[in-house]
């Protein structure tokens, strides 16, 4: 294998990915039709065509199975950051990562579940944990890029600030749209990301 190349996923890994996606899709279908808190793990497992035991091999609860879209969105942010030029200013890389275009379908589902979670503290807790995990991964990626020049306090403040801007954009979007998913509302969400990052880029000077 050439340097820099990664091994293709094995059949087992692909099967696991398919099963995880099927469970997440079943959970999303149920939360749309029944609302949060109105279905069980058994309901999800039945709709996904898996056993209850298989469900718990992937997720700890119904709420955890509803974080997949949010995790995917944050993985995309991380991927955008890691694809930026290695010699680019680290702040600019972070700002560009959060404002890079997201997959429309993934962004729509992420926004939809964010809105649903506003009335469900358990769902909101799992979403916040997903943001926390993303923060830890981005911090680790920045440390790897900067090497010995990495200042842990600086990195923590930077990543925390950027991701807080992202969460604030979601919150402002939900207040303005009441969680309605339309092409126009998703465009607004993208604009709010850009505006929030603009505040950081300009030192909050208006």
N, C-alpha and C. Protein backbone atom coordinates (compact mmCIF):
# COMPACT_ATOMS: atom_id res chain seq x y z
N UNK A 1 0.85 -1.19 0.00
CA UNK A 1 0.00 0.00 0.00
C UNK A 1 0.88 1.24 0.00
N UNK A 2 0.56 2.23 -0.85
CA UNK A 2 1.38 3.43 -0.94
C UNK A 2 1.21 4.28 0.30
N UNK A 3 2.25 5.09 0.58
CA UNK A 3 2.19 5.96 1.75
C UNK A 3 1.01 6.90 1.62
N UNK A 4 0.31 7.12 2.75
CA UNK A 4 -0.83 8.03 2.77
C UNK A 4 -2.14 7.38 2.41
N UNK A 5 -2.09 6.16 1.85
CA UNK A 5 -3.32 5.47 1.51
C UNK A 5 -3.86 4.73 2.73
N UNK A 6 -5.17 4.60 2.78
CA UNK A 6 -5.80 3.84 3.86
C UNK A 6 -6.44 2.60 3.29
N UNK A 7 -6.47 1.54 4.10
CA UNK A 7 -7.04 0.28 3.65
C UNK A 7 -8.54 0.42 3.44
N UNK A 8 -9.07 -0.24 2.42
CA UNK A 8 -10.50 -0.24 2.19
C UNK A 8 -11.20 -0.96 3.34
N UNK A 9 -12.40 -0.52 3.72
CA UNK A 9 -13.10 -1.19 4.82
C UNK A 9 -13.40 -2.64 4.48
N UNK A 10 -13.32 -3.49 5.47
CA UNK A 10 -13.60 -4.90 5.27
C UNK A 10 -15.11 -5.12 5.11
N UNK A 11 -15.48 -6.31 4.64
CA UNK A 11 -16.91 -6.63 4.51
C UNK A 11 -17.62 -6.54 5.86
N UNK A 12 -16.94 -6.98 6.91
CA UNK A 12 -17.54 -6.91 8.25
C UNK A 12 -17.80 -5.46 8.65
N UNK A 13 -16.83 -4.59 8.38
CA UNK A 13 -17.00 -3.18 8.71
C UNK A 13 -18.14 -2.56 7.90
N UNK A 14 -18.24 -2.93 6.62
CA UNK A 14 -19.31 -2.42 5.78
C UNK A 14 -20.67 -2.90 6.29
N UNK A 15 -20.74 -4.17 6.69
CA UNK A 15 -22.00 -4.70 7.22
C UNK A 15 -22.40 -3.97 8.51
N UNK A 16 -21.43 -3.69 9.35
CA UNK A 16 -21.72 -2.97 10.58
C UNK A 16 -22.22 -1.56 10.28
N UNK A 17 -21.62 -0.94 9.29
CA UNK A 17 -22.04 0.41 8.91
C UNK A 17 -23.47 0.40 8.38
N UNK A 18 -23.79 -0.61 7.59
CA UNK A 18 -25.14 -0.72 7.04
C UNK A 18 -26.16 -0.95 8.17
N UNK A 19 -25.83 -1.81 9.12
CA UNK A 19 -26.73 -2.09 10.23
C UNK A 19 -26.94 -0.85 11.08
N UNK A 20 -25.88 -0.14 11.38
CA UNK A 20 -25.98 1.09 12.18
C UNK A 20 -26.86 2.11 11.47
N UNK A 21 -26.67 2.25 10.17
CA UNK A 21 -27.47 3.20 9.41
C UNK A 21 -28.94 2.79 9.39
N UNK A 22 -29.21 1.50 9.30
CA UNK A 22 -30.59 1.02 9.28
C UNK A 22 -31.29 1.30 10.61
N UNK A 23 -30.57 1.11 11.72
CA UNK A 23 -31.14 1.40 13.04
C UNK A 23 -31.42 2.89 13.17
N UNK A 24 -30.46 3.71 12.74
CA UNK A 24 -30.64 5.17 12.83
C UNK A 24 -31.82 5.62 11.97
N UNK A 25 -31.96 5.03 10.78
CA UNK A 25 -33.07 5.39 9.90
C UNK A 25 -34.41 4.99 10.52
N UNK A 26 -34.45 3.83 11.16
CA UNK A 26 -35.68 3.38 11.82
C UNK A 26 -36.05 4.32 12.96
N UNK A 27 -35.05 4.74 13.74
CA UNK A 27 -35.31 5.66 14.84
C UNK A 27 -35.83 6.99 14.32
N UNK A 28 -35.23 7.47 13.24
CA UNK A 28 -35.67 8.74 12.65
C UNK A 28 -37.11 8.63 12.15
N UNK A 29 -37.44 7.52 11.50
CA UNK A 29 -38.80 7.31 11.02
C UNK A 29 -39.81 7.32 12.17
N UNK A 30 -39.44 6.69 13.28
CA UNK A 30 -40.35 6.61 14.42
C UNK A 30 -40.50 7.94 15.13
N UNK A 31 -39.41 8.69 15.25
CA UNK A 31 -39.53 9.99 15.93
C UNK A 31 -40.36 10.94 15.09
N UNK A 32 -40.31 10.78 13.78
CA UNK A 32 -41.14 11.62 12.91
C UNK A 32 -42.62 11.25 13.02
N UNK A 33 -42.90 9.97 13.12
CA UNK A 33 -44.30 9.53 13.12
C UNK A 33 -44.94 9.53 14.51
N UNK A 34 -44.14 9.31 15.54
CA UNK A 34 -44.70 9.18 16.89
C UNK A 34 -44.26 10.26 17.86
N UNK A 35 -43.15 10.93 17.54
CA UNK A 35 -42.63 11.93 18.46
C UNK A 35 -41.68 11.31 19.46
N UNK A 36 -40.77 12.12 20.02
CA UNK A 36 -39.78 11.59 20.96
C UNK A 36 -40.44 11.07 22.23
N UNK A 37 -39.91 9.96 22.73
CA UNK A 37 -40.43 9.37 23.96
C UNK A 37 -41.65 8.49 23.77
N UNK A 38 -42.12 8.35 22.54
CA UNK A 38 -43.34 7.58 22.29
C UNK A 38 -43.08 6.27 21.57
N UNK A 39 -41.83 5.81 21.60
CA UNK A 39 -41.51 4.50 21.02
C UNK A 39 -40.34 3.91 21.81
N UNK A 40 -40.12 2.63 21.63
CA UNK A 40 -39.15 1.91 22.44
C UNK A 40 -38.01 1.36 21.57
N UNK A 41 -37.02 0.83 22.26
CA UNK A 41 -35.94 0.13 21.57
C UNK A 41 -36.49 -1.01 20.74
N UNK A 42 -37.45 -1.74 21.29
CA UNK A 42 -38.05 -2.86 20.55
C UNK A 42 -38.72 -2.38 19.26
N UNK A 43 -39.37 -1.20 19.32
CA UNK A 43 -39.99 -0.65 18.13
C UNK A 43 -38.94 -0.36 17.05
N UNK A 44 -37.83 0.24 17.48
CA UNK A 44 -36.76 0.55 16.53
C UNK A 44 -36.19 -0.72 15.94
N UNK A 45 -35.90 -1.69 16.81
CA UNK A 45 -35.31 -2.94 16.34
C UNK A 45 -36.22 -3.64 15.34
N UNK A 46 -37.51 -3.66 15.64
CA UNK A 46 -38.46 -4.32 14.72
C UNK A 46 -38.47 -3.61 13.37
N UNK A 47 -38.51 -2.28 13.39
CA UNK A 47 -38.56 -1.56 12.12
C UNK A 47 -37.26 -1.70 11.34
N UNK A 48 -36.15 -1.80 12.05
CA UNK A 48 -34.85 -1.94 11.37
C UNK A 48 -34.57 -3.38 10.95
N UNK A 49 -35.37 -4.33 11.45
CA UNK A 49 -35.17 -5.73 11.11
C UNK A 49 -33.99 -6.35 11.82
N UNK A 50 -33.75 -5.91 13.06
CA UNK A 50 -32.66 -6.46 13.86
C UNK A 50 -33.21 -6.87 15.22
N UNK A 51 -32.37 -7.56 15.99
CA UNK A 51 -32.80 -7.95 17.33
C UNK A 51 -32.54 -6.82 18.32
N UNK A 52 -33.19 -6.93 19.47
CA UNK A 52 -32.95 -5.96 20.55
C UNK A 52 -31.47 -5.97 20.95
N UNK A 53 -30.88 -7.17 21.00
CA UNK A 53 -29.48 -7.28 21.36
C UNK A 53 -28.59 -6.56 20.35
N UNK A 54 -28.93 -6.70 19.06
CA UNK A 54 -28.15 -6.02 18.03
C UNK A 54 -28.24 -4.51 18.21
N UNK A 55 -29.43 -4.02 18.52
CA UNK A 55 -29.58 -2.57 18.76
C UNK A 55 -28.57 -2.10 19.79
N UNK A 56 -28.49 -2.82 20.91
CA UNK A 56 -27.61 -2.39 22.00
C UNK A 56 -26.13 -2.62 21.69
N UNK A 57 -25.85 -3.36 20.65
CA UNK A 57 -24.46 -3.45 20.20
C UNK A 57 -23.99 -2.14 19.57
N UNK A 58 -24.95 -1.31 19.16
CA UNK A 58 -24.63 -0.06 18.45
C UNK A 58 -24.98 1.18 19.26
N UNK A 59 -26.04 1.12 20.02
CA UNK A 59 -26.52 2.32 20.72
C UNK A 59 -26.95 1.97 22.15
N UNK A 60 -26.84 2.95 23.02
CA UNK A 60 -27.18 2.73 24.43
C UNK A 60 -28.64 3.02 24.74
N UNK A 61 -29.32 3.74 23.84
CA UNK A 61 -30.71 4.13 24.09
C UNK A 61 -31.35 4.60 22.80
N UNK A 62 -32.68 4.83 22.85
CA UNK A 62 -33.36 5.37 21.68
C UNK A 62 -32.79 6.73 21.31
N UNK A 63 -32.52 7.56 22.33
CA UNK A 63 -32.00 8.91 22.07
C UNK A 63 -30.62 8.86 21.41
N UNK A 64 -29.80 7.92 21.84
CA UNK A 64 -28.46 7.81 21.25
C UNK A 64 -28.54 7.47 19.77
N UNK A 65 -29.54 6.69 19.39
CA UNK A 65 -29.67 6.31 17.97
C UNK A 65 -30.11 7.48 17.11
N UNK A 66 -30.53 8.57 17.75
CA UNK A 66 -30.96 9.75 17.01
C UNK A 66 -29.86 10.80 16.89
N UNK A 67 -28.65 10.45 17.30
CA UNK A 67 -27.54 11.41 17.18
C UNK A 67 -26.72 11.18 15.92
N UNK A 68 -27.06 10.16 15.14
CA UNK A 68 -26.22 9.79 13.99
C UNK A 68 -26.10 10.94 13.00
N UNK A 69 -27.19 11.64 12.71
CA UNK A 69 -27.13 12.75 11.76
C UNK A 69 -26.24 13.86 12.29
N UNK A 70 -26.39 14.19 13.57
CA UNK A 70 -25.56 15.23 14.16
C UNK A 70 -24.09 14.82 14.14
N UNK A 71 -23.81 13.57 14.47
CA UNK A 71 -22.43 13.09 14.44
C UNK A 71 -21.88 13.14 13.01
N UNK A 72 -22.73 12.80 12.03
CA UNK A 72 -22.29 12.87 10.64
C UNK A 72 -21.98 14.29 10.21
N UNK A 73 -22.80 15.22 10.64
CA UNK A 73 -22.55 16.63 10.34
C UNK A 73 -21.21 17.07 10.93
N UNK A 74 -20.97 16.71 12.19
CA UNK A 74 -19.73 17.11 12.85
C UNK A 74 -18.52 16.39 12.26
N UNK A 75 -18.71 15.15 11.81
CA UNK A 75 -17.63 14.44 11.12
C UNK A 75 -17.26 15.18 9.83
N UNK A 76 -18.27 15.72 9.17
CA UNK A 76 -18.02 16.48 7.94
C UNK A 76 -17.20 17.73 8.25
N UNK A 77 -17.55 18.40 9.35
CA UNK A 77 -16.78 19.58 9.77
C UNK A 77 -15.32 19.19 10.00
N UNK A 78 -15.12 18.08 10.72
CA UNK A 78 -13.76 17.61 10.98
C UNK A 78 -13.04 17.28 9.68
N UNK A 79 -13.75 16.62 8.76
CA UNK A 79 -13.13 16.28 7.49
C UNK A 79 -12.72 17.52 6.71
N UNK A 80 -13.58 18.55 6.71
CA UNK A 80 -13.23 19.79 6.03
C UNK A 80 -11.98 20.41 6.66
N UNK A 81 -11.92 20.37 8.00
CA UNK A 81 -10.75 20.95 8.67
C UNK A 81 -9.48 20.19 8.27
N UNK A 82 -9.54 18.89 8.30
CA UNK A 82 -8.34 18.09 8.03
C UNK A 82 -7.92 18.16 6.56
N UNK A 83 -8.83 18.60 5.69
CA UNK A 83 -8.47 18.72 4.28
C UNK A 83 -7.88 20.08 3.94
N UNK A 84 -7.90 21.02 4.90
CA UNK A 84 -7.34 22.34 4.64
C UNK A 84 -5.82 22.26 4.52
N UNK A 85 -5.20 23.20 3.81
CA UNK A 85 -3.73 23.18 3.66
C UNK A 85 -3.03 23.19 5.02
N UNK A 86 -2.02 22.37 5.15
CA UNK A 86 -1.33 22.24 6.44
C UNK A 86 -0.63 23.53 6.87
N UNK A 87 -0.28 24.38 5.90
CA UNK A 87 0.40 25.63 6.27
C UNK A 87 -0.56 26.81 6.42
N UNK A 88 -1.86 26.54 6.32
CA UNK A 88 -2.85 27.60 6.48
C UNK A 88 -2.96 27.99 7.95
N UNK A 89 -3.25 29.26 8.21
CA UNK A 89 -3.50 29.71 9.58
C UNK A 89 -4.57 28.84 10.22
N UNK A 90 -4.30 28.38 11.43
CA UNK A 90 -5.18 27.40 12.07
C UNK A 90 -6.58 27.97 12.32
N UNK A 91 -6.66 29.26 12.64
CA UNK A 91 -7.97 29.87 12.86
C UNK A 91 -8.76 29.88 11.56
N UNK A 92 -8.10 30.25 10.47
CA UNK A 92 -8.78 30.28 9.18
C UNK A 92 -9.26 28.89 8.78
N UNK A 93 -8.46 27.87 9.06
CA UNK A 93 -8.88 26.50 8.76
C UNK A 93 -10.14 26.12 9.53
N UNK A 94 -10.20 26.50 10.81
CA UNK A 94 -11.37 26.20 11.62
C UNK A 94 -12.60 26.93 11.10
N UNK A 95 -12.44 28.20 10.77
CA UNK A 95 -13.58 28.99 10.29
C UNK A 95 -14.08 28.46 8.96
N UNK A 96 -13.17 28.10 8.08
CA UNK A 96 -13.56 27.57 6.77
C UNK A 96 -14.25 26.21 6.93
N UNK A 97 -13.79 25.42 7.88
CA UNK A 97 -14.37 24.08 8.07
C UNK A 97 -15.84 24.16 8.44
N UNK A 98 -16.20 25.09 9.34
CA UNK A 98 -17.58 25.17 9.79
C UNK A 98 -18.50 25.79 8.75
N UNK A 99 -17.96 26.61 7.86
CA UNK A 99 -18.81 27.25 6.86
C UNK A 99 -18.75 26.55 5.50
N UNK A 100 -18.01 25.44 5.39
CA UNK A 100 -18.00 24.69 4.14
C UNK A 100 -19.37 24.07 3.90
N UNK A 101 -19.80 23.98 2.66
CA UNK A 101 -21.14 23.44 2.38
C UNK A 101 -21.31 22.03 2.95
N UNK A 102 -22.46 21.80 3.57
CA UNK A 102 -22.78 20.47 4.09
C UNK A 102 -23.67 19.75 3.09
N UNK A 103 -23.72 18.42 3.19
CA UNK A 103 -24.64 17.66 2.34
C UNK A 103 -26.07 18.10 2.70
N UNK A 104 -26.86 18.54 1.73
CA UNK A 104 -28.19 19.09 2.03
C UNK A 104 -29.07 18.16 2.86
N UNK A 105 -29.07 16.86 2.49
CA UNK A 105 -29.93 15.92 3.21
C UNK A 105 -29.47 15.76 4.66
N UNK A 106 -28.16 15.65 4.87
CA UNK A 106 -27.64 15.50 6.22
C UNK A 106 -27.91 16.74 7.06
N UNK A 107 -27.72 17.91 6.46
CA UNK A 107 -27.98 19.15 7.17
C UNK A 107 -29.45 19.26 7.55
N UNK A 108 -30.34 18.84 6.64
CA UNK A 108 -31.77 18.90 6.90
C UNK A 108 -32.16 18.01 8.08
N UNK A 109 -31.65 16.79 8.10
CA UNK A 109 -31.97 15.87 9.20
C UNK A 109 -31.38 16.38 10.51
N UNK A 110 -30.16 16.89 10.47
CA UNK A 110 -29.52 17.42 11.67
C UNK A 110 -30.35 18.56 12.24
N UNK A 111 -30.78 19.47 11.38
CA UNK A 111 -31.59 20.60 11.82
C UNK A 111 -32.93 20.13 12.38
N UNK A 112 -33.54 19.16 11.69
CA UNK A 112 -34.83 18.62 12.14
C UNK A 112 -34.72 18.03 13.54
N UNK A 113 -33.69 17.24 13.77
CA UNK A 113 -33.53 16.60 15.08
C UNK A 113 -33.13 17.61 16.15
N UNK A 114 -32.38 18.63 15.76
CA UNK A 114 -32.06 19.68 16.72
C UNK A 114 -33.35 20.34 17.21
N UNK A 115 -34.26 20.64 16.28
CA UNK A 115 -35.52 21.27 16.66
C UNK A 115 -36.35 20.35 17.56
N UNK A 116 -36.41 19.07 17.23
CA UNK A 116 -37.17 18.12 18.05
C UNK A 116 -36.59 18.04 19.46
N UNK A 117 -35.27 18.09 19.57
CA UNK A 117 -34.61 17.94 20.87
C UNK A 117 -34.88 19.10 21.82
N UNK A 118 -35.36 20.23 21.30
CA UNK A 118 -35.61 21.37 22.17
C UNK A 118 -36.65 21.07 23.24
N UNK A 119 -37.52 20.14 22.95
CA UNK A 119 -38.56 19.76 23.92
C UNK A 119 -38.28 18.41 24.56
N UNK A 120 -37.06 17.92 24.41
CA UNK A 120 -36.70 16.62 24.97
C UNK A 120 -35.31 16.72 25.58
N UNK A 121 -35.22 16.91 26.90
CA UNK A 121 -33.92 17.11 27.54
C UNK A 121 -32.94 15.95 27.33
N UNK A 122 -33.46 14.72 27.24
CA UNK A 122 -32.56 13.58 27.06
C UNK A 122 -31.94 13.62 25.66
N UNK A 123 -32.75 13.90 24.66
CA UNK A 123 -32.21 14.03 23.31
C UNK A 123 -31.19 15.16 23.24
N UNK A 124 -31.50 16.27 23.90
CA UNK A 124 -30.57 17.40 23.89
C UNK A 124 -29.26 17.03 24.55
N UNK A 125 -29.31 16.26 25.63
CA UNK A 125 -28.08 15.85 26.31
C UNK A 125 -27.21 15.01 25.39
N UNK A 126 -27.82 14.09 24.65
CA UNK A 126 -27.04 13.26 23.73
C UNK A 126 -26.46 14.10 22.60
N UNK A 127 -27.19 15.11 22.14
CA UNK A 127 -26.66 15.97 21.09
C UNK A 127 -25.47 16.78 21.61
N UNK A 128 -25.58 17.29 22.83
CA UNK A 128 -24.46 18.04 23.40
C UNK A 128 -23.24 17.15 23.58
N UNK A 129 -23.47 15.89 23.94
CA UNK A 129 -22.35 14.95 24.06
C UNK A 129 -21.69 14.72 22.71
N UNK A 130 -22.48 14.71 21.64
CA UNK A 130 -21.91 14.56 20.30
C UNK A 130 -21.02 15.76 19.96
N UNK A 131 -21.46 16.95 20.32
CA UNK A 131 -20.63 18.15 20.12
C UNK A 131 -19.35 18.05 20.93
N UNK A 132 -19.45 17.55 22.18
CA UNK A 132 -18.27 17.42 23.03
C UNK A 132 -17.26 16.44 22.43
N UNK A 133 -17.76 15.32 21.89
CA UNK A 133 -16.85 14.35 21.27
C UNK A 133 -16.18 14.96 20.04
N UNK A 134 -16.95 15.72 19.27
CA UNK A 134 -16.37 16.37 18.10
C UNK A 134 -15.29 17.35 18.52
N UNK A 135 -15.55 18.08 19.59
CA UNK A 135 -14.56 19.04 20.08
C UNK A 135 -13.25 18.33 20.43
N UNK A 136 -13.35 17.20 21.12
CA UNK A 136 -12.15 16.46 21.51
C UNK A 136 -11.38 15.99 20.28
N UNK A 137 -12.10 15.54 19.24
CA UNK A 137 -11.42 15.05 18.04
C UNK A 137 -10.75 16.19 17.27
N UNK A 138 -11.42 17.34 17.21
CA UNK A 138 -10.83 18.48 16.50
C UNK A 138 -9.61 18.99 17.26
N UNK A 139 -9.70 19.03 18.59
CA UNK A 139 -8.55 19.43 19.40
C UNK A 139 -7.37 18.51 19.11
N UNK A 140 -7.62 17.20 19.07
CA UNK A 140 -6.55 16.24 18.80
C UNK A 140 -5.96 16.45 17.40
N UNK A 141 -6.82 16.77 16.43
CA UNK A 141 -6.34 16.99 15.07
C UNK A 141 -5.47 18.24 15.00
N UNK A 142 -5.86 19.29 15.70
CA UNK A 142 -5.06 20.52 15.71
C UNK A 142 -3.72 20.27 16.38
N UNK A 143 -3.72 19.54 17.47
CA UNK A 143 -2.46 19.23 18.15
C UNK A 143 -1.52 18.46 17.23
N UNK A 144 -2.09 17.54 16.47
CA UNK A 144 -1.26 16.77 15.54
C UNK A 144 -0.67 17.68 14.47
N UNK A 145 -1.46 18.64 13.98
CA UNK A 145 -0.95 19.54 12.95
C UNK A 145 0.14 20.47 13.51
N UNK A 146 -0.08 21.01 14.71
CA UNK A 146 0.84 22.00 15.25
C UNK A 146 2.07 21.37 15.90
N UNK A 147 1.95 20.13 16.33
CA UNK A 147 3.08 19.46 16.95
C UNK A 147 3.54 20.17 18.22
N UNK A 148 4.85 20.40 18.34
CA UNK A 148 5.40 20.99 19.55
C UNK A 148 4.93 22.42 19.76
N UNK A 149 4.43 23.06 18.70
CA UNK A 149 3.98 24.44 18.82
C UNK A 149 2.58 24.55 19.43
N UNK A 150 1.94 23.41 19.68
CA UNK A 150 0.57 23.43 20.18
C UNK A 150 0.49 23.96 21.61
N UNK A 151 -0.39 24.93 21.82
CA UNK A 151 -0.68 25.46 23.15
C UNK A 151 -2.05 24.93 23.55
N UNK A 152 -2.13 24.00 24.48
CA UNK A 152 -3.42 23.37 24.82
C UNK A 152 -4.51 24.37 25.17
N UNK A 153 -4.16 25.43 25.90
CA UNK A 153 -5.17 26.41 26.30
C UNK A 153 -5.69 27.17 25.09
N UNK A 154 -4.79 27.58 24.21
CA UNK A 154 -5.18 28.29 22.99
C UNK A 154 -6.10 27.41 22.13
N UNK A 155 -5.71 26.15 21.95
CA UNK A 155 -6.50 25.25 21.12
C UNK A 155 -7.89 25.03 21.71
N UNK A 156 -7.95 24.83 23.02
CA UNK A 156 -9.23 24.62 23.68
C UNK A 156 -10.15 25.82 23.50
N UNK A 157 -9.60 27.02 23.67
CA UNK A 157 -10.40 28.24 23.51
C UNK A 157 -10.86 28.40 22.06
N UNK A 158 -9.98 28.12 21.12
CA UNK A 158 -10.32 28.25 19.70
C UNK A 158 -11.44 27.30 19.31
N UNK A 159 -11.25 26.03 19.59
CA UNK A 159 -12.25 25.03 19.17
C UNK A 159 -13.57 25.26 19.89
N UNK A 160 -13.50 25.55 21.19
CA UNK A 160 -14.73 25.82 21.93
C UNK A 160 -15.49 27.00 21.36
N UNK A 161 -14.77 28.06 20.98
CA UNK A 161 -15.42 29.25 20.43
C UNK A 161 -16.07 28.95 19.09
N UNK A 162 -15.36 28.24 18.22
CA UNK A 162 -15.90 27.95 16.89
C UNK A 162 -17.13 27.06 16.99
N UNK A 163 -17.07 26.02 17.80
CA UNK A 163 -18.22 25.11 17.90
C UNK A 163 -19.39 25.77 18.62
N UNK A 164 -19.10 26.66 19.57
CA UNK A 164 -20.19 27.40 20.21
C UNK A 164 -20.90 28.28 19.19
N UNK A 165 -20.15 28.86 18.27
CA UNK A 165 -20.79 29.64 17.19
C UNK A 165 -21.69 28.73 16.36
N UNK A 166 -21.24 27.51 16.11
CA UNK A 166 -22.07 26.57 15.36
C UNK A 166 -23.36 26.24 16.09
N UNK A 167 -23.26 25.97 17.39
CA UNK A 167 -24.46 25.68 18.18
C UNK A 167 -25.39 26.88 18.24
N UNK A 168 -24.80 28.07 18.35
CA UNK A 168 -25.61 29.29 18.39
C UNK A 168 -26.37 29.49 17.09
N UNK A 169 -25.73 29.12 15.97
CA UNK A 169 -26.41 29.23 14.68
C UNK A 169 -27.63 28.30 14.64
N UNK A 170 -27.47 27.07 15.13
CA UNK A 170 -28.61 26.15 15.18
C UNK A 170 -29.72 26.73 16.08
N UNK A 171 -29.35 27.27 17.22
CA UNK A 171 -30.35 27.80 18.16
C UNK A 171 -31.09 28.98 17.55
N UNK A 172 -30.36 29.89 16.90
CA UNK A 172 -31.00 31.04 16.27
C UNK A 172 -31.90 30.60 15.13
N UNK A 173 -31.45 29.61 14.37
CA UNK A 173 -32.27 29.07 13.29
C UNK A 173 -33.58 28.52 13.82
N UNK A 174 -33.51 27.76 14.92
CA UNK A 174 -34.72 27.16 15.48
C UNK A 174 -35.68 28.24 15.97
N UNK A 175 -35.15 29.31 16.58
CA UNK A 175 -36.02 30.39 17.06
C UNK A 175 -36.71 31.10 15.90
N UNK A 176 -35.98 31.30 14.80
CA UNK A 176 -36.55 32.04 13.68
C UNK A 176 -37.53 31.22 12.85
N UNK A 177 -37.30 29.92 12.78
CA UNK A 177 -38.10 29.08 11.88
C UNK A 177 -39.04 28.13 12.60
N UNK A 178 -38.93 28.04 13.95
CA UNK A 178 -39.67 27.04 14.71
C UNK A 178 -39.41 25.62 14.21
N UNK A 179 -38.23 25.42 13.63
CA UNK A 179 -37.83 24.09 13.21
C UNK A 179 -38.40 23.64 11.88
N UNK A 180 -39.01 24.53 11.12
CA UNK A 180 -39.56 24.15 9.82
C UNK A 180 -38.42 23.84 8.85
N UNK A 181 -38.52 22.70 8.17
CA UNK A 181 -37.49 22.28 7.22
C UNK A 181 -37.97 22.58 5.81
N UNK A 182 -37.40 23.60 5.23
CA UNK A 182 -37.69 23.98 3.85
C UNK A 182 -36.37 24.38 3.19
N UNK A 183 -36.31 24.43 1.88
CA UNK A 183 -35.07 24.91 1.24
C UNK A 183 -34.68 26.30 1.74
N UNK A 184 -35.69 27.15 1.97
CA UNK A 184 -35.40 28.50 2.44
C UNK A 184 -34.84 28.51 3.85
N UNK A 185 -35.42 27.66 4.73
CA UNK A 185 -34.94 27.65 6.12
C UNK A 185 -33.54 27.07 6.21
N UNK A 186 -33.22 26.08 5.37
CA UNK A 186 -31.87 25.51 5.37
C UNK A 186 -30.85 26.51 4.82
N UNK A 187 -31.29 27.31 3.86
CA UNK A 187 -30.42 28.37 3.36
C UNK A 187 -30.14 29.38 4.48
N UNK A 188 -31.18 29.67 5.26
CA UNK A 188 -31.00 30.57 6.40
C UNK A 188 -29.99 29.99 7.39
N UNK A 189 -30.07 28.68 7.64
CA UNK A 189 -29.14 28.05 8.57
C UNK A 189 -27.70 28.21 8.08
N UNK A 190 -27.48 27.99 6.80
CA UNK A 190 -26.13 28.17 6.25
C UNK A 190 -25.67 29.62 6.40
N UNK A 191 -26.59 30.56 6.20
CA UNK A 191 -26.25 31.97 6.34
C UNK A 191 -25.90 32.31 7.79
N UNK A 192 -26.62 31.68 8.73
CA UNK A 192 -26.34 31.93 10.14
C UNK A 192 -24.97 31.37 10.54
N UNK A 193 -24.60 30.21 9.98
CA UNK A 193 -23.24 29.69 10.22
C UNK A 193 -22.21 30.72 9.77
N UNK A 194 -22.40 31.22 8.55
CA UNK A 194 -21.44 32.18 8.00
C UNK A 194 -21.41 33.46 8.83
N UNK A 195 -22.57 33.93 9.28
CA UNK A 195 -22.62 35.15 10.08
C UNK A 195 -21.94 34.97 11.43
N UNK A 196 -22.20 33.82 12.07
CA UNK A 196 -21.59 33.55 13.38
C UNK A 196 -20.08 33.48 13.27
N UNK A 197 -19.61 32.80 12.22
CA UNK A 197 -18.16 32.71 12.02
C UNK A 197 -17.59 34.08 11.67
N UNK A 198 -18.38 34.91 10.97
CA UNK A 198 -17.94 36.27 10.68
C UNK A 198 -17.70 37.07 11.94
N UNK A 199 -18.53 36.84 12.96
CA UNK A 199 -18.31 37.53 14.24
C UNK A 199 -16.92 37.19 14.78
N UNK A 200 -16.58 35.91 14.73
CA UNK A 200 -15.26 35.49 15.22
C UNK A 200 -14.14 36.08 14.37
N UNK A 201 -14.31 35.97 13.07
CA UNK A 201 -13.26 36.42 12.16
C UNK A 201 -12.97 37.92 12.35
N UNK A 202 -14.01 38.68 12.64
CA UNK A 202 -13.87 40.13 12.77
C UNK A 202 -13.70 40.60 14.21
N UNK A 203 -13.45 39.66 15.11
CA UNK A 203 -13.25 40.03 16.51
C UNK A 203 -14.48 40.62 17.16
N UNK A 204 -15.66 40.24 16.66
CA UNK A 204 -16.96 40.72 17.17
C UNK A 204 -17.12 42.22 17.02
N UNK A 205 -16.37 42.82 16.10
CA UNK A 205 -16.56 44.23 15.78
C UNK A 205 -17.60 44.35 14.67
N UNK A 206 -18.55 45.23 14.84
CA UNK A 206 -19.60 45.38 13.84
C UNK A 206 -19.61 46.79 13.30
